[in-house]
Amino acid sequence: DNAPIHRSKTARKYMDAHLIQCLDWRAQSPVLNPIKNVWRLMKLRISKRREYIHTRDQMVQILREE
């Protein structure tokens, strides 16, 4: 993920010694973080059903269904 701690000399030395290969990709790429996409979809789907939510239990039910 290109975090500084993963690019340190110590980390690179360890990975080289243990033959660990790293993939090249941008740091914090949205493509690599699917939860953001999932939250966006959940918000869209729940907003379409907002008029049916009056209690906490109804909200929990709709979240589970979605």
PDB file of N, CA and C in Angstrom:
ATOM      1  N   ASP A   1       0.824  -1.211   0.000  1.00  0.00           N
ATOM      2  CA  ASP A   1       0.000   0.000   0.000  1.00  0.00           C
ATOM      3  C   ASP A   1       0.858   1.260   0.000  1.00  0.00           C
ATOM      4  N   ASN A   2       2.127   1.104  -0.136  1.00  0.00           N
ATOM      5  CA  ASN A   2       3.087   2.214  -0.193  1.00  0.00           C
ATOM      6  C   ASN A   2       3.127   3.075   1.066  1.00  0.00           C
ATOM      7  N   ALA A   3       2.660   2.556   2.171  1.00  0.00           N
ATOM      8  CA  ALA A   3       2.770   3.288   3.438  1.00  0.00           C
ATOM      9  C   ALA A   3       4.250   3.407   3.779  1.00  0.00           C
ATOM     10  N   PRO A   4       4.662   4.541   4.361  1.00  0.00           N
ATOM     11  CA  PRO A   4       6.087   4.737   4.662  1.00  0.00           C
ATOM     12  C   PRO A   4       6.715   3.599   5.473  1.00  0.00           C
ATOM     13  N   ILE A   5       5.967   3.042   6.398  1.00  0.00           N
ATOM     14  CA  ILE A   5       6.521   1.963   7.228  1.00  0.00           C
ATOM     15  C   ILE A   5       6.814   0.716   6.395  1.00  0.00           C
ATOM     16  N   HIS A   6       6.068   0.527   5.313  1.00  0.00           N
ATOM     17  CA  HIS A   6       6.289  -0.643   4.466  1.00  0.00           C
ATOM     18  C   HIS A   6       7.398  -0.415   3.442  1.00  0.00           C
ATOM     19  N   ARG A   7       7.830   0.822   3.292  1.00  0.00           N
ATOM     20  CA  ARG A   7       8.910   1.157   2.357  1.00  0.00           C
ATOM     21  C   ARG A   7      10.226   1.405   3.080  1.00  0.00           C
ATOM     22  N   SER A   8      10.263   1.192   4.373  1.00  0.00           N
ATOM     23  CA  SER A   8      11.484   1.458   5.142  1.00  0.00           C
ATOM     24  C   SER A   8      12.603   0.499   4.736  1.00  0.00           C
ATOM     25  N   LYS A   9      13.828   0.883   5.044  1.00  0.00           N
ATOM     26  CA  LYS A   9      14.981   0.037   4.726  1.00  0.00           C
ATOM     27  C   LYS A   9      14.871  -1.317   5.415  1.00  0.00           C
ATOM     28  N   THR A  10      14.403  -1.304   6.654  1.00  0.00           N
ATOM     29  CA  THR A  10      14.275  -2.552   7.419  1.00  0.00           C
ATOM     30  C   THR A  10      13.245  -3.480   6.775  1.00  0.00           C
ATOM     31  N   ALA A  11      12.115  -2.910   6.386  1.00  0.00           N
ATOM     32  CA  ALA A  11      11.071  -3.726   5.753  1.00  0.00           C
ATOM     33  C   ALA A  11      11.553  -4.291   4.422  1.00  0.00           C
ATOM     34  N   ARG A  12      12.223  -3.455   3.628  1.00  0.00           N
ATOM     35  CA  ARG A  12      12.732  -3.923   2.328  1.00  0.00           C
ATOM     36  C   ARG A  12      13.793  -5.011   2.513  1.00  0.00           C
ATOM     37  N   LYS A  13      14.636  -4.826   3.495  1.00  0.00           N
ATOM     38  CA  LYS A  13      15.693  -5.811   3.775  1.00  0.00           C
ATOM     39  C   LYS A  13      15.060  -7.159   4.150  1.00  0.00           C
ATOM     40  N   TYR A  14      14.025  -7.107   4.993  1.00  0.00           N
ATOM     41  CA  TYR A  14      13.327  -8.335   5.409  1.00  0.00           C
ATOM     42  C   TYR A  14      12.679  -9.010   4.199  1.00  0.00           C
ATOM     43  N   MET A  15      11.997  -8.221   3.374  1.00  0.00           N
ATOM     44  CA  MET A  15      11.314  -8.789   2.205  1.00  0.00           C
ATOM     45  C   MET A  15      12.306  -9.386   1.216  1.00  0.00           C
ATOM     46  N   ASP A  16      13.435  -8.727   1.028  1.00  0.00           N
ATOM     47  CA  ASP A  16      14.466  -9.264   0.142  1.00  0.00           C
ATOM     48  C   ASP A  16      15.035 -10.572   0.694  1.00  0.00           C
ATOM     49  N   ALA A  17      15.274 -10.610   1.981  1.00  0.00           N
ATOM     50  CA  ALA A  17      15.848 -11.805   2.610  1.00  0.00           C
ATOM     51  C   ALA A  17      14.889 -12.995   2.550  1.00  0.00           C
ATOM     52  N   HIS A  18      13.580 -12.719   2.568  1.00  0.00           N
ATOM     53  CA  HIS A  18      12.573 -13.787   2.549  1.00  0.00           C
ATOM     54  C   HIS A  18      11.924 -13.956   1.175  1.00  0.00           C
ATOM     55  N   LEU A  19      12.525 -13.329   0.166  1.00  0.00           N
ATOM     56  CA  LEU A  19      12.059 -13.442  -1.221  1.00  0.00           C
ATOM     57  C   LEU A  19      10.584 -13.062  -1.386  1.00  0.00           C
ATOM     58  N   ILE A  20      10.177 -12.025  -0.680  1.00  0.00           N
ATOM     59  CA  ILE A  20       8.800 -11.535  -0.783  1.00  0.00           C
ATOM     60  C   ILE A  20       8.749 -10.491  -1.893  1.00  0.00           C
ATOM     61  N   GLN A  21       7.888 -10.731  -2.873  1.00  0.00           N
ATOM     62  CA  GLN A  21       7.744  -9.791  -3.979  1.00  0.00           C
ATOM     63  C   GLN A  21       6.589  -8.842  -3.697  1.00  0.00           C
ATOM     64  N   CYS A  22       6.766  -7.592  -4.057  1.00  0.00           N
ATOM     65  CA  CYS A  22       5.731  -6.585  -3.860  1.00  0.00           C
ATOM     66  C   CYS A  22       5.112  -6.214  -5.198  1.00  0.00           C
ATOM     67  N   LEU A  23       3.826  -5.957  -5.177  1.00  0.00           N
ATOM     68  CA  LEU A  23       3.139  -5.486  -6.374  1.00  0.00           C
ATOM     69  C   LEU A  23       3.251  -3.968  -6.448  1.00  0.00           C
ATOM     70  N   ASP A  24       3.315  -3.448  -7.648  1.00  0.00           N
ATOM     71  CA  ASP A  24       3.343  -1.999  -7.827  1.00  0.00           C
ATOM     72  C   ASP A  24       1.921  -1.480  -7.946  1.00  0.00           C
ATOM     73  N   TRP A  25       1.553  -0.551  -7.067  1.00  0.00           N
ATOM     74  CA  TRP A  25       0.269   0.115  -7.175  1.00  0.00           C
ATOM     75  C   TRP A  25       0.301   1.417  -6.409  1.00  0.00           C
ATOM     76  N   ARG A  26      -0.630   2.289  -6.732  1.00  0.00           N
ATOM     77  CA  ARG A  26      -0.691   3.588  -6.067  1.00  0.00           C
ATOM     78  C   ARG A  26      -1.091   3.433  -4.608  1.00  0.00           C
ATOM     79  N   ALA A  27      -0.566   4.311  -3.789  1.00  0.00           N
ATOM     80  CA  ALA A  27      -0.917   4.298  -2.367  1.00  0.00           C
ATOM     81  C   ALA A  27      -2.374   4.696  -2.194  1.00  0.00           C
ATOM     82  N   GLN A  28      -3.078   3.979  -1.363  1.00  0.00           N
ATOM     83  CA  GLN A  28      -4.467   4.268  -0.994  1.00  0.00           C
ATOM     84  C   GLN A  28      -5.366   4.429  -2.222  1.00  0.00           C
ATOM     85  N   SER A  29      -5.187   3.593  -3.181  1.00  0.00           N
ATOM     86  CA  SER A  29      -6.015   3.631  -4.382  1.00  0.00           C
ATOM     87  C   SER A  29      -7.446   3.236  -4.047  1.00  0.00           C
ATOM     88  N   PRO A  30      -8.436   4.008  -4.491  1.00  0.00           N
ATOM     89  CA  PRO A  30      -9.830   3.663  -4.195  1.00  0.00           C
ATOM     90  C   PRO A  30     -10.222   2.314  -4.791  1.00  0.00           C
ATOM     91  N   VAL A  31      -9.562   1.911  -5.850  1.00  0.00           N
ATOM     92  CA  VAL A  31      -9.851   0.625  -6.463  1.00  0.00           C
ATOM     93  C   VAL A  31      -9.514  -0.511  -5.496  1.00  0.00           C
ATOM     94  N   LEU A  32      -8.540  -0.283  -4.643  1.00  0.00           N
ATOM     95  CA  LEU A  32      -8.103  -1.316  -3.710  1.00  0.00           C
ATOM     96  C   LEU A  32      -8.846  -1.266  -2.385  1.00  0.00           C
ATOM     97  N   ASN A  33      -9.770  -0.333  -2.249  1.00  0.00           N
ATOM     98  CA  ASN A  33     -10.525  -0.211  -1.017  1.00  0.00           C
ATOM     99  C   ASN A  33     -12.011  -0.349  -1.333  1.00  0.00           C
ATOM    100  N   PRO A  34     -12.504  -1.591  -1.455  1.00  0.00           N
ATOM    101  CA  PRO A  34     -13.883  -1.816  -1.870  1.00  0.00           C
ATOM    102  C   PRO A  34     -14.933  -1.339  -0.872  1.00  0.00           C
ATOM    103  N   ILE A  35     -14.571  -1.174   0.391  1.00  0.00           N
ATOM    104  CA  ILE A  35     -15.572  -0.788   1.387  1.00  0.00           C
ATOM    105  C   ILE A  35     -16.177   0.581   1.070  1.00  0.00           C
ATOM    106  N   LYS A  36     -15.400   1.483   0.482  1.00  0.00           N
ATOM    107  CA  LYS A  36     -15.950   2.787   0.115  1.00  0.00           C
ATOM    108  C   LYS A  36     -17.050   2.638  -0.920  1.00  0.00           C
ATOM    109  N   ASN A  37     -16.841   1.735  -1.867  1.00  0.00           N
ATOM    110  CA  ASN A  37     -17.871   1.484  -2.874  1.00  0.00           C
ATOM    111  C   ASN A  37     -19.106   0.845  -2.253  1.00  0.00           C
ATOM    112  N   VAL A  38     -18.890  -0.055  -1.308  1.00  0.00           N
ATOM    113  CA  VAL A  38     -20.009  -0.723  -0.646  1.00  0.00           C
ATOM    114  C   VAL A  38     -20.830   0.289   0.147  1.00  0.00           C
ATOM    115  N   TRP A  39     -20.175   1.171   0.891  1.00  0.00           N
ATOM    116  CA  TRP A  39     -20.904   2.184   1.669  1.00  0.00           C
ATOM    117  C   TRP A  39     -21.711   3.096   0.757  1.00  0.00           C
ATOM    118  N   ARG A  40     -21.135   3.472  -0.381  1.00  0.00           N
ATOM    119  CA  ARG A  40     -21.846   4.330  -1.333  1.00  0.00           C
ATOM    120  C   ARG A  40     -23.117   3.637  -1.826  1.00  0.00           C
ATOM    121  N   LEU A  41     -22.995   2.368  -2.191  1.00  0.00           N
ATOM    122  CA  LEU A  41     -24.160   1.624  -2.658  1.00  0.00           C
ATOM    123  C   LEU A  41     -25.216   1.470  -1.563  1.00  0.00           C
ATOM    124  N   MET A  42     -24.756   1.204  -0.341  1.00  0.00           N
ATOM    125  CA  MET A  42     -25.698   1.078   0.782  1.00  0.00           C
ATOM    126  C   MET A  42     -26.466   2.379   0.995  1.00  0.00           C
ATOM    127  N   LYS A  43     -25.759   3.502   0.967  1.00  0.00           N
ATOM    128  CA  LYS A  43     -26.420   4.799   1.158  1.00  0.00           C
ATOM    129  C   LYS A  43     -27.473   5.040   0.089  1.00  0.00           C
ATOM    130  N   LEU A  44     -27.139   4.728  -1.151  1.00  0.00           N
ATOM    131  CA  LEU A  44     -28.094   4.921  -2.247  1.00  0.00           C
ATOM    132  C   LEU A  44     -29.328   4.043  -2.075  1.00  0.00           C
ATOM    133  N   ARG A  45     -29.123   2.800  -1.747  1.00  0.00           N
ATOM    134  CA  ARG A  45     -30.243   1.872  -1.624  1.00  0.00           C
ATOM    135  C   ARG A  45     -31.120   2.184  -0.421  1.00  0.00           C
ATOM    136  N   ILE A  46     -30.489   2.556   0.676  1.00  0.00           N
ATOM    137  CA  ILE A  46     -31.260   2.884   1.878  1.00  0.00           C
ATOM    138  C   ILE A  46     -32.022   4.186   1.695  1.00  0.00           C
ATOM    139  N   SER A  47     -31.435   5.144   1.001  1.00  0.00           N
ATOM    140  CA  SER A  47     -32.114   6.421   0.793  1.00  0.00           C
ATOM    141  C   SER A  47     -33.411   6.240  -0.005  1.00  0.00           C
ATOM    142  N   LYS A  48     -33.456   5.239  -0.868  1.00  0.00           N
ATOM    143  CA  LYS A  48     -34.675   4.957  -1.624  1.00  0.00           C
ATOM    144  C   LYS A  48     -35.782   4.409  -0.741  1.00  0.00           C
ATOM    145  N   ARG A  49     -35.413   3.874   0.414  1.00  0.00           N
ATOM    146  CA  ARG A  49     -36.397   3.278   1.332  1.00  0.00           C
ATOM    147  C   ARG A  49     -36.591   4.115   2.592  1.00  0.00           C
ATOM    148  N   ARG A  50     -36.072   5.319   2.592  1.00  0.00           N
ATOM    149  CA  ARG A  50     -36.077   6.175   3.775  1.00  0.00           C
ATOM    150  C   ARG A  50     -37.489   6.389   4.351  1.00  0.00           C
ATOM    151  N   GLU A  51     -38.473   6.502   3.496  1.00  0.00           N
ATOM    152  CA  GLU A  51     -39.840   6.781   3.971  1.00  0.00           C
ATOM    153  C   GLU A  51     -40.423   5.630   4.782  1.00  0.00           C
ATOM    154  N   TYR A  52     -39.818   4.453   4.685  1.00  0.00           N
ATOM    155  CA  TYR A  52     -40.305   3.293   5.421  1.00  0.00           C
ATOM    156  C   TYR A  52     -39.594   3.090   6.759  1.00  0.00           C
ATOM    157  N   ILE A  53     -38.660   3.976   7.064  1.00  0.00           N
ATOM    158  CA  ILE A  53     -37.886   3.837   8.298  1.00  0.00           C
ATOM    159  C   ILE A  53     -38.406   4.827   9.339  1.00  0.00           C
ATOM    160  N   HIS A  54     -39.017   4.271  10.403  1.00  0.00           N
ATOM    161  CA  HIS A  54     -39.541   5.108  11.480  1.00  0.00           C
ATOM    162  C   HIS A  54     -38.960   4.727  12.837  1.00  0.00           C
ATOM    163  N   THR A  55     -38.412   3.512  12.920  1.00  0.00           N
ATOM    164  CA  THR A  55     -37.851   3.046  14.193  1.00  0.00           C
ATOM    165  C   THR A  55     -36.471   2.444  13.945  1.00  0.00           C
ATOM    166  N   ARG A  56     -35.767   2.253  15.034  1.00  0.00           N
ATOM    167  CA  ARG A  56     -34.441   1.637  14.946  1.00  0.00           C
ATOM    168  C   ARG A  56     -34.551   0.221  14.387  1.00  0.00           C
ATOM    169  N   ASP A  57     -35.551  -0.520  14.828  1.00  0.00           N
ATOM    170  CA  ASP A  57     -35.731  -1.898  14.357  1.00  0.00           C
ATOM    171  C   ASP A  57     -35.981  -1.950  12.848  1.00  0.00           C
ATOM    172  N   GLN A  58     -36.751  -0.994  12.341  1.00  0.00           N
ATOM    173  CA  GLN A  58     -36.990  -0.937  10.897  1.00  0.00           C
ATOM    174  C   GLN A  58     -35.686  -0.649  10.160  1.00  0.00           C
ATOM    175  N   MET A  59     -34.880   0.221  10.703  1.00  0.00           N
ATOM    176  CA  MET A  59     -33.595   0.553  10.094  1.00  0.00           C
ATOM    177  C   MET A  59     -32.684  -0.673  10.056  1.00  0.00           C
ATOM    178  N   VAL A  60     -32.620  -1.385  11.169  1.00  0.00           N
ATOM    179  CA  VAL A  60     -31.798  -2.597  11.238  1.00  0.00           C
ATOM    180  C   VAL A  60     -32.288  -3.613  10.214  1.00  0.00           C
ATOM    181  N   GLN A  61     -33.595  -3.785  10.107  1.00  0.00           N
ATOM    182  CA  GLN A  61     -34.162  -4.734   9.154  1.00  0.00           C
ATOM    183  C   GLN A  61     -33.776  -4.374   7.714  1.00  0.00           C
ATOM    184  N   ILE A  62     -33.913  -3.104   7.376  1.00  0.00           N
ATOM    185  CA  ILE A  62     -33.592  -2.660   6.024  1.00  0.00           C
ATOM    186  C   ILE A  62     -32.085  -2.803   5.746  1.00  0.00           C
ATOM    187  N   LEU A  63     -31.260  -2.498   6.717  1.00  0.00           N
ATOM    188  CA  LEU A  63     -29.818  -2.693   6.548  1.00  0.00           C
ATOM    189  C   LEU A  63     -29.502  -4.152   6.259  1.00  0.00           C
ATOM    190  N   ARG A  64     -30.130  -5.048   6.975  1.00  0.00           N
ATOM    191  CA  ARG A  64     -29.891  -6.482   6.768  1.00  0.00           C
ATOM    192  C   ARG A  64     -30.373  -6.920   5.388  1.00  0.00           C
ATOM    193  N   GLU A  65     -31.500  -6.411   4.981  1.00  0.00           N
ATOM    194  CA  GLU A  65     -32.027  -6.783   3.668  1.00  0.00           C
ATOM    195  C   GLU A  65     -31.111  -6.294   2.545  1.00  0.00           C
ATOM    196  N   GLU A  66     -30.617  -5.091   2.703  1.00  0.00           N
ATOM    197  CA  GLU A  66     -29.732  -4.528   1.667  1.00  0.00           C
ATOM    198  C   GLU A  66     -28.369  -5.186   1.718  1.00  0.00           C
TER     199      GLU A  66
END
